[in-house]
C-alpha atoms as a PDB file:
ATOM      1  CA  MET A   1      38.940  19.833 -26.441  1.00  0.00           C
ATOM      2  CA  SER A   2      36.037  18.664 -24.381  1.00  0.00           C
ATOM      3  CA  THR A   3      34.094  16.257 -26.287  1.00  0.00           C
ATOM      4  CA  GLU A   4      30.950  16.681 -24.138  1.00  0.00           C
ATOM      5  CA  PRO A   5      27.905  17.801 -26.497  1.00  0.00           C
ATOM      6  CA  ALA A   6      26.954  21.578 -26.182  1.00  0.00           C
ATOM      7  CA  GLY A   7      24.560  22.370 -23.458  1.00  0.00           C
ATOM      8  CA  ALA A   8      25.341  18.931 -21.696  1.00  0.00           C
ATOM      9  CA  GLY A   9      26.610  20.278 -18.799  1.00  0.00           C
ATOM     10  CA  ARG A  10      24.064  23.011 -18.334  1.00  0.00           C
ATOM     11  CA  GLY A  11      21.389  19.837 -18.948  1.00  0.00           C
ATOM     12  CA  ALA A  12      22.960  17.705 -16.423  1.00  0.00           C
ATOM     13  CA  MET A  13      22.957  20.636 -13.794  1.00  0.00           C
ATOM     14  CA  SER A  14      19.637  21.824 -14.654  1.00  0.00           C
ATOM     15  CA  GLU A  15      16.914  20.119 -12.426  1.00  0.00           C
ATOM     16  CA  HIS A  16      14.057  17.959 -13.881  1.00  0.00           C
ATOM     17  CA  LYS A  17      10.615  19.815 -12.677  1.00  0.00           C
ATOM     18  CA  PRO A  18       7.938  17.292 -13.552  1.00  0.00           C
ATOM     19  CA  SER A  19       4.533  17.947 -15.018  1.00  0.00           C
ATOM     20  CA  ASN A  20       1.238  18.781 -13.019  1.00  0.00           C
ATOM     21  CA  TRP A  21      -0.097  16.765 -15.644  1.00  0.00           C
ATOM     22  CA  ASN A  22       0.606  13.145 -14.222  1.00  0.00           C
ATOM     23  CA  VAL A  23      -0.994  10.023 -12.668  1.00  0.00           C
ATOM     24  CA  PRO A  24      -0.746  10.846  -8.976  1.00  0.00           C
ATOM     25  CA  ASN A  25      -2.047  14.228  -9.607  1.00  0.00           C
ATOM     26  CA  ALA A  26      -4.918  12.711 -11.351  1.00  0.00           C
ATOM     27  CA  LEU A  27      -5.660  10.259  -8.866  1.00  0.00           C
ATOM     28  CA  THR A  28      -5.319  13.222  -5.984  1.00  0.00           C
ATOM     29  CA  THR A  29      -7.978  15.103  -8.308  1.00  0.00           C
ATOM     30  CA  LEU A  30     -10.189  12.013  -8.106  1.00  0.00           C
ATOM     31  CA  ARG A  31     -10.413  11.685  -4.764  1.00  0.00           C
ATOM     32  CA  ILE A  32     -11.182  15.390  -4.310  1.00  0.00           C
ATOM     33  CA  VAL A  33     -13.834  14.823  -7.219  1.00  0.00           C
ATOM     34  CA  ILE A  34     -15.367  11.619  -4.901  1.00  0.00           C
ATOM     35  CA  THR A  35     -15.823  13.487  -2.137  1.00  0.00           C
ATOM     36  CA  PRO A  36     -19.237  14.878  -2.594  1.00  0.00           C
ATOM     37  CA  PHE A  37     -20.982  11.832  -4.030  1.00  0.00           C
ATOM     38  CA  PHE A  38     -19.531   9.719  -1.443  1.00  0.00           C
ATOM     39  CA  GLY A  39     -20.940  12.428   1.298  1.00  0.00           C
ATOM     40  CA  ILE A  40     -24.225  12.083  -0.862  1.00  0.00           C
ATOM     41  CA  ALA A  41     -24.243   8.017  -0.776  1.00  0.00           C
ATOM     42  CA  LEU A  42     -23.459   8.287   2.991  1.00  0.00           C
ATOM     43  CA  LEU A  43     -26.179  10.219   4.014  1.00  0.00           C
ATOM     44  CA  HIS A  44     -29.124   8.689   1.735  1.00  0.00           C
ATOM     45  CA  ASP A  45     -32.067   8.298   3.105  1.00  0.00           C
ATOM     46  CA  GLY A  46     -30.631   9.674   6.600  1.00  0.00           C
ATOM     47  CA  GLY A  47     -28.038   7.159   6.325  1.00  0.00           C
ATOM     48  CA  GLU A  48     -30.741   3.812   6.620  1.00  0.00           C
ATOM     49  CA  ASP A  49     -30.358   2.643   3.362  1.00  0.00           C
ATOM     50  CA  ASN A  50     -27.949  -0.030   3.085  1.00  0.00           C
ATOM     51  CA  GLY A  51     -27.737  -0.323  -0.638  1.00  0.00           C
ATOM     52  CA  TRP A  52     -26.466   3.063  -0.349  1.00  0.00           C
ATOM     53  CA  ARG A  53     -23.964   2.777   2.756  1.00  0.00           C
ATOM     54  CA  TRP A  54     -22.331   0.124   0.625  1.00  0.00           C
ATOM     55  CA  ILE A  55     -21.730   2.242  -2.712  1.00  0.00           C
ATOM     56  CA  ALA A  56     -20.355   4.861   0.418  1.00  0.00           C
ATOM     57  CA  TYR A  57     -18.019   2.175   1.625  1.00  0.00           C
ATOM     58  CA  ALA A  58     -16.918   1.229  -2.206  1.00  0.00           C
ATOM     59  CA  LEU A  59     -16.225   5.274  -2.901  1.00  0.00           C
ATOM     60  CA  PHE A  60     -14.357   5.544   0.536  1.00  0.00           C
ATOM     61  CA  ALA A  61     -12.301   2.113  -0.866  1.00  0.00           C
ATOM     62  CA  VAL A  62     -11.348   3.761  -3.610  1.00  0.00           C
ATOM     63  CA  ALA A  63     -10.492   7.056  -2.075  1.00  0.00           C
ATOM     64  CA  MET A  64      -7.931   5.411   0.485  1.00  0.00           C
ATOM     65  CA  ILE A  65      -6.300   2.688  -2.189  1.00  0.00           C
ATOM     66  CA  THR A  66      -5.623   5.904  -4.654  1.00  0.00           C
ATOM     67  CA  ASP A  67      -3.939   7.631  -1.655  1.00  0.00           C
ATOM     68  CA  LYS A  68      -1.628   5.025  -1.296  1.00  0.00           C
ATOM     69  CA  ILE A  69      -0.883   4.396  -5.246  1.00  0.00           C
ATOM     70  CA  ASP A  70      -0.466   8.151  -5.845  1.00  0.00           C
ATOM     71  CA  GLY A  71       2.110   8.463  -3.127  1.00  0.00           C
ATOM     72  CA  ASP A  72       4.261   5.640  -4.213  1.00  0.00           C
ATOM     73  CA  LEU A  73       4.088   6.798  -7.811  1.00  0.00           C
ATOM     74  CA  ALA A  74       5.019  10.247  -6.952  1.00  0.00           C
ATOM     75  CA  ARG A  75       8.005   9.033  -5.079  1.00  0.00           C
ATOM     76  CA  LYS A  76       9.085   6.058  -7.424  1.00  0.00           C
ATOM     77  CA  HIS A  77       8.934   8.145 -10.400  1.00  0.00           C
ATOM     78  CA  ASN A  78       9.714  11.720  -8.883  1.00  0.00           C
ATOM     79  CA  LEU A  79       6.571  13.307  -9.882  1.00  0.00           C
ATOM     80  CA  ILE A  80       6.269  15.482  -6.643  1.00  0.00           C
ATOM     81  CA  THR A  81       4.483  19.121  -7.868  1.00  0.00           C
ATOM     82  CA  ASN A  82       3.837  21.763  -5.804  1.00  0.00           C
ATOM     83  CA  PHE A  83       0.096  20.979  -6.958  1.00  0.00           C
ATOM     84  CA  GLY A  84       0.361  17.558  -5.472  1.00  0.00           C
ATOM     85  CA  LYS A  85       2.211  19.212  -2.425  1.00  0.00           C
ATOM     86  CA  ILE A  86      -0.752  21.076  -1.817  1.00  0.00           C
ATOM     87  CA  ALA A  87      -3.759  19.036  -3.366  1.00  0.00           C
ATOM     88  CA  ASP A  88      -2.720  15.556  -1.798  1.00  0.00           C
ATOM     89  CA  PRO A  89      -3.515  16.679   1.700  1.00  0.00           C
ATOM     90  CA  ILE A  90      -6.531  18.723   1.034  1.00  0.00           C
ATOM     91  CA  ALA A  91      -7.542  15.217  -0.434  1.00  0.00           C
ATOM     92  CA  ASP A  92      -7.027  13.430   1.950  1.00  0.00           C
ATOM     93  CA  LYS A  93      -8.766  15.551   4.757  1.00  0.00           C
ATOM     94  CA  ALA A  94     -11.726  16.225   2.510  1.00  0.00           C
ATOM     95  CA  ILE A  95     -12.379  12.379   2.252  1.00  0.00           C
ATOM     96  CA  THR A  96     -11.822  11.315   5.808  1.00  0.00           C
ATOM     97  CA  GLY A  97     -13.728  15.016   7.107  1.00  0.00           C
ATOM     98  CA  MET A  98     -16.918  13.878   5.016  1.00  0.00           C
ATOM     99  CA  ALA A  99     -16.471  10.321   6.330  1.00  0.00           C
ATOM    100  CA  PHE A 100     -16.449  11.840  10.269  1.00  0.00           C
ATOM    101  CA  ILE A 101     -19.313  14.545   9.367  1.00  0.00           C
ATOM    102  CA  GLY A 102     -21.301  11.907   7.525  1.00  0.00           C
ATOM    103  CA  LEU A 103     -21.213   9.508  10.339  1.00  0.00           C
ATOM    104  CA  SER A 104     -21.902  11.904  13.496  1.00  0.00           C
ATOM    105  CA  ILE A 105     -25.115  13.017  11.294  1.00  0.00           C
ATOM    106  CA  ILE A 106     -26.005   9.447  11.212  1.00  0.00           C
ATOM    107  CA  TYR A 107     -24.694   8.806  15.036  1.00  0.00           C
ATOM    108  CA  PRO A 108     -24.486  12.193  16.864  1.00  0.00           C
ATOM    109  CA  VAL A 109     -22.679  10.701  19.709  1.00  0.00           C
ATOM    110  CA  LEU A 110     -19.605  10.615  17.016  1.00  0.00           C
ATOM    111  CA  TRP A 111     -19.498  14.533  17.185  1.00  0.00           C
ATOM    112  CA  TRP A 112     -17.582  14.479  20.501  1.00  0.00           C
ATOM    113  CA  VAL A 113     -14.686  12.536  18.480  1.00  0.00           C
ATOM    114  CA  THR A 114     -15.414  14.582  14.902  1.00  0.00           C
ATOM    115  CA  VAL A 115     -14.744  17.860  16.481  1.00  0.00           C
ATOM    116  CA  PRO A 116     -11.257  17.559  18.169  1.00  0.00           C
ATOM    117  CA  VAL A 117     -10.084  15.405  15.025  1.00  0.00           C
ATOM    118  CA  LEU A 118     -11.016  17.599  12.556  1.00  0.00           C
ATOM    119  CA  LEU A 119      -9.645  20.842  14.306  1.00  0.00           C
ATOM    120  CA  ARG A 120      -6.580  18.641  14.726  1.00  0.00           C
ATOM    121  CA  GLU A 121      -6.366  17.590  11.244  1.00  0.00           C
ATOM    122  CA  TRP A 122      -7.169  20.950   9.368  1.00  0.00           C
ATOM    123  CA  GLY A 123      -5.187  22.545  11.640  1.00  0.00           C
ATOM    124  CA  VAL A 124      -1.962  20.565  10.751  1.00  0.00           C
ATOM    125  CA  THR A 125      -2.677  20.656   7.324  1.00  0.00           C
ATOM    126  CA  LEU A 126      -3.089  24.852   7.226  1.00  0.00           C
ATOM    127  CA  ALA A 127       0.554  24.645   9.084  1.00  0.00           C
ATOM    128  CA  ARG A 128       1.957  22.137   6.799  1.00  0.00           C
ATOM    129  CA  LEU A 129       1.347  24.463   3.569  1.00  0.00           C
ATOM    130  CA  SER A 130       1.995  27.631   5.577  1.00  0.00           C
ATOM    131  CA  ILE A 131       5.558  26.182   6.032  1.00  0.00           C
ATOM    132  CA  ALA A 132       5.997  24.214   2.790  1.00  0.00           C
ATOM    133  CA  LYS A 133       8.239  26.369   0.938  1.00  0.00           C
ATOM    134  CA  GLN A 134      10.892  26.837   3.760  1.00  0.00           C
ATOM    135  CA  VAL A 135      10.940  23.073   4.742  1.00  0.00           C
ATOM    136  CA  VAL A 136       8.512  20.023   4.148  1.00  0.00           C
ATOM    137  CA  MET A 137       7.778  18.402   7.338  1.00  0.00           C
ATOM    138  CA  PRO A 138       7.466  14.358   6.719  1.00  0.00           C
ATOM    139  CA  ALA A 139       4.939  12.004   8.464  1.00  0.00           C
ATOM    140  CA  SER A 140       5.975  10.698  11.819  1.00  0.00           C
ATOM    141  CA  GLN A 141       5.732   6.996  12.240  1.00  0.00           C
ATOM    142  CA  SER A 142       2.561   7.405  14.323  1.00  0.00           C
ATOM    143  CA  GLY A 143       0.929   9.844  12.162  1.00  0.00           C
ATOM    144  CA  LYS A 144       1.150   7.055   9.298  1.00  0.00           C
ATOM    145  CA  VAL A 145      -0.375   4.438  11.789  1.00  0.00           C
ATOM    146  CA  LYS A 146      -2.756   7.278  13.115  1.00  0.00           C
ATOM    147  CA  THR A 147      -4.176   7.531   8.715  1.00  0.00           C
ATOM    148  CA  MET A 148      -4.165   3.875   8.543  1.00  0.00           C
ATOM    149  CA  ALA A 149      -6.210   3.378  11.761  1.00  0.00           C
ATOM    150  CA  GLN A 150      -8.903   6.130  10.449  1.00  0.00           C
ATOM    151  CA  ALA A 151      -8.651   4.492   7.218  1.00  0.00           C
ATOM    152  CA  LEU A 152      -9.403   1.001   8.723  1.00  0.00           C
ATOM    153  CA  ALA A 153     -12.186   2.292  11.093  1.00  0.00           C
ATOM    154  CA  LEU A 154     -14.077   4.681   9.140  1.00  0.00           C
ATOM    155  CA  GLY A 155     -14.462   2.160   6.494  1.00  0.00           C
ATOM    156  CA  GLY A 156     -15.652  -0.402   8.821  1.00  0.00           C
ATOM    157  CA  LEU A 157     -18.172   2.000  10.271  1.00  0.00           C
ATOM    158  CA  VAL A 158     -19.319   3.556   7.128  1.00  0.00           C
ATOM    159  CA  ALA A 159     -20.283   0.179   5.884  1.00  0.00           C
ATOM    160  CA  PRO A 160     -23.765  -1.281   7.067  1.00  0.00           C
ATOM    161  CA  PHE A 161     -22.040  -4.321   8.650  1.00  0.00           C
ATOM    162  CA  HIS A 162     -23.860  -3.586  11.972  1.00  0.00           C
ATOM    163  CA  TYR A 163     -27.009  -3.977  10.331  1.00  0.00           C
ATOM    164  CA  LEU A 164     -26.035  -7.391   8.319  1.00  0.00           C
ATOM    165  CA  SER A 165     -28.929 -10.162   9.229  1.00  0.00           C
ATOM    166  CA  GLY A 166     -29.420 -13.819   7.963  1.00  0.00           C
ATOM    167  CA  GLY A 167     -26.633 -15.630   9.546  1.00  0.00           C
ATOM    168  CA  TRP A 168     -24.203 -12.674   9.009  1.00  0.00           C
ATOM    169  CA  ASP A 169     -25.272 -10.301  12.044  1.00  0.00           C
ATOM    170  CA  VAL A 170     -22.396 -11.834  14.372  1.00  0.00           C
ATOM    171  CA  PRO A 171     -19.545 -11.333  11.964  1.00  0.00           C
ATOM    172  CA  GLY A 172     -21.064  -8.221  11.150  1.00  0.00           C
ATOM    173  CA  ASP A 173     -21.099  -7.046  14.952  1.00  0.00           C
ATOM    174  CA  VAL A 174     -17.361  -8.276  15.174  1.00  0.00           C
ATOM    175  CA  VAL A 175     -16.453  -5.882  12.456  1.00  0.00           C
ATOM    176  CA  TRP A 176     -18.226  -2.980  13.870  1.00  0.00           C
ATOM    177  CA  TRP A 177     -17.134  -3.299  17.423  1.00  0.00           C
ATOM    178  CA  THR A 178     -13.546  -3.656  15.851  1.00  0.00           C
ATOM    179  CA  ALA A 179     -14.092  -0.353  14.032  1.00  0.00           C
ATOM    180  CA  VAL A 180     -15.277   1.000  17.157  1.00  0.00           C
ATOM    181  CA  VAL A 181     -12.172   0.181  18.761  1.00  0.00           C
ATOM    182  CA  LEU A 182      -9.994   1.080  15.960  1.00  0.00           C
ATOM    183  CA  LEU A 183     -11.645   4.784  15.873  1.00  0.00           C
ATOM    184  CA  VAL A 184     -10.619   5.122  19.373  1.00  0.00           C
ATOM    185  CA  VAL A 185      -6.969   4.081  18.975  1.00  0.00           C
ATOM    186  CA  ALA A 186      -7.189   6.792  15.589  1.00  0.00           C
ATOM    187  CA  VAL A 187      -8.312   9.323  17.984  1.00  0.00           C
ATOM    188  CA  VAL A 188      -5.731   9.046  20.228  1.00  0.00           C
ATOM    189  CA  LEU A 189      -2.935   8.540  17.643  1.00  0.00           C
ATOM    190  CA  THR A 190      -4.594  11.900  16.234  1.00  0.00           C
ATOM    191  CA  MET A 191      -3.908  13.748  18.959  1.00  0.00           C
ATOM    192  CA  THR A 192      -0.304  12.532  19.851  1.00  0.00           C
ATOM    193  CA  SER A 193       0.771  13.009  16.348  1.00  0.00           C
ATOM    194  CA  GLY A 194      -0.506  16.106  16.476  1.00  0.00           C
ATOM    195  CA  TYR A 195       1.550  17.091  19.597  1.00  0.00           C
ATOM    196  CA  GLU A 196       4.831  15.651  17.632  1.00  0.00           C
ATOM    197  CA  PHE A 197       4.112  18.015  14.642  1.00  0.00           C
ATOM    198  CA  ALA A 198       3.727  21.044  16.785  1.00  0.00           C
ATOM    199  CA  ARG A 199       6.730  19.704  18.732  1.00  0.00           C
ATOM    200  CA  ASP A 200       8.886  19.575  15.432  1.00  0.00           C
ATOM    201  CA  VAL A 201       7.665  22.789  13.845  1.00  0.00           C
ATOM    202  CA  VAL A 202       8.478  24.677  17.001  1.00  0.00           C
ATOM    203  CA  ARG A 203      12.140  23.213  16.743  1.00  0.00           C
ATOM    204  CA  HIS A 204      12.742  23.824  13.195  1.00  0.00           C
ATOM    205  CA  ARG A 205      11.456  27.619  13.511  1.00  0.00           C
ATOM    206  CA  ARG A 206      14.226  27.720  16.580  1.00  0.00           C
ATOM    207  CA  GLY A 207      16.606  26.122  14.482  1.00  0.00           C
ATOM    208  CA  ALA A 208      16.238  28.539  11.854  1.00  0.00           C
ATOM    209  CA  ALA A 209      16.112  31.513  13.884  1.00  0.00           C
ATOM    210  CA  ALA A 210      19.660  30.392  15.439  1.00  0.00           C
ATOM    211  CA  PRO A 211      22.788  32.455  14.107  1.00  0.00           C
ATOM    212  CA  ALA A 212      24.245  30.677  11.009  1.00  0.00           C
ATOM    213  CA  ASP A 213      27.918  30.217  13.302  1.00  0.00           C
ATOM    214  CA  ALA A 214      25.966  29.212  16.082  1.00  0.00           C
END
């Protein structure tokens, strides 16, 4: 006779489904809420107000930090939800997209970078969402480095380092030009990781279309 409590087998076999009401999803939602305020701060007075630029930098930093925290918490505590799968990439692309667009409005030469980067970013995001039910495509190593390079580059350009004075002008210029170099690196990685993603999607679809006994 089994000593196992009634329903224990069914409970062990049932899959735990985390609630959408959890900390990672709250942090993801916070990033979405922050985005318009970040844009307003960045573009206040045409981007010429250093005080508002620092506020924009602080909001951008909070968004990037919470992006790291919510992903770690979701994986560590098995709090990955369908809402998170959809909202997290949208939140990421919203805040970085606002940074690219805002900086391009302030420095129009950056439109040559912003347009292809955003086409790639949103194209990959939409592709991920379209196949999310069939397979979750993990981020490649180059994609992870790309994300970090983008965050550091955009943060360095959002903050008014280039306009510092009173003995801070040289360090400010160093940080500024470092951010410019990182932006170039980020653009290259954005395009190469986009190619890798497209290649992996094609391979997956070919594998799915192949006969099961092939």
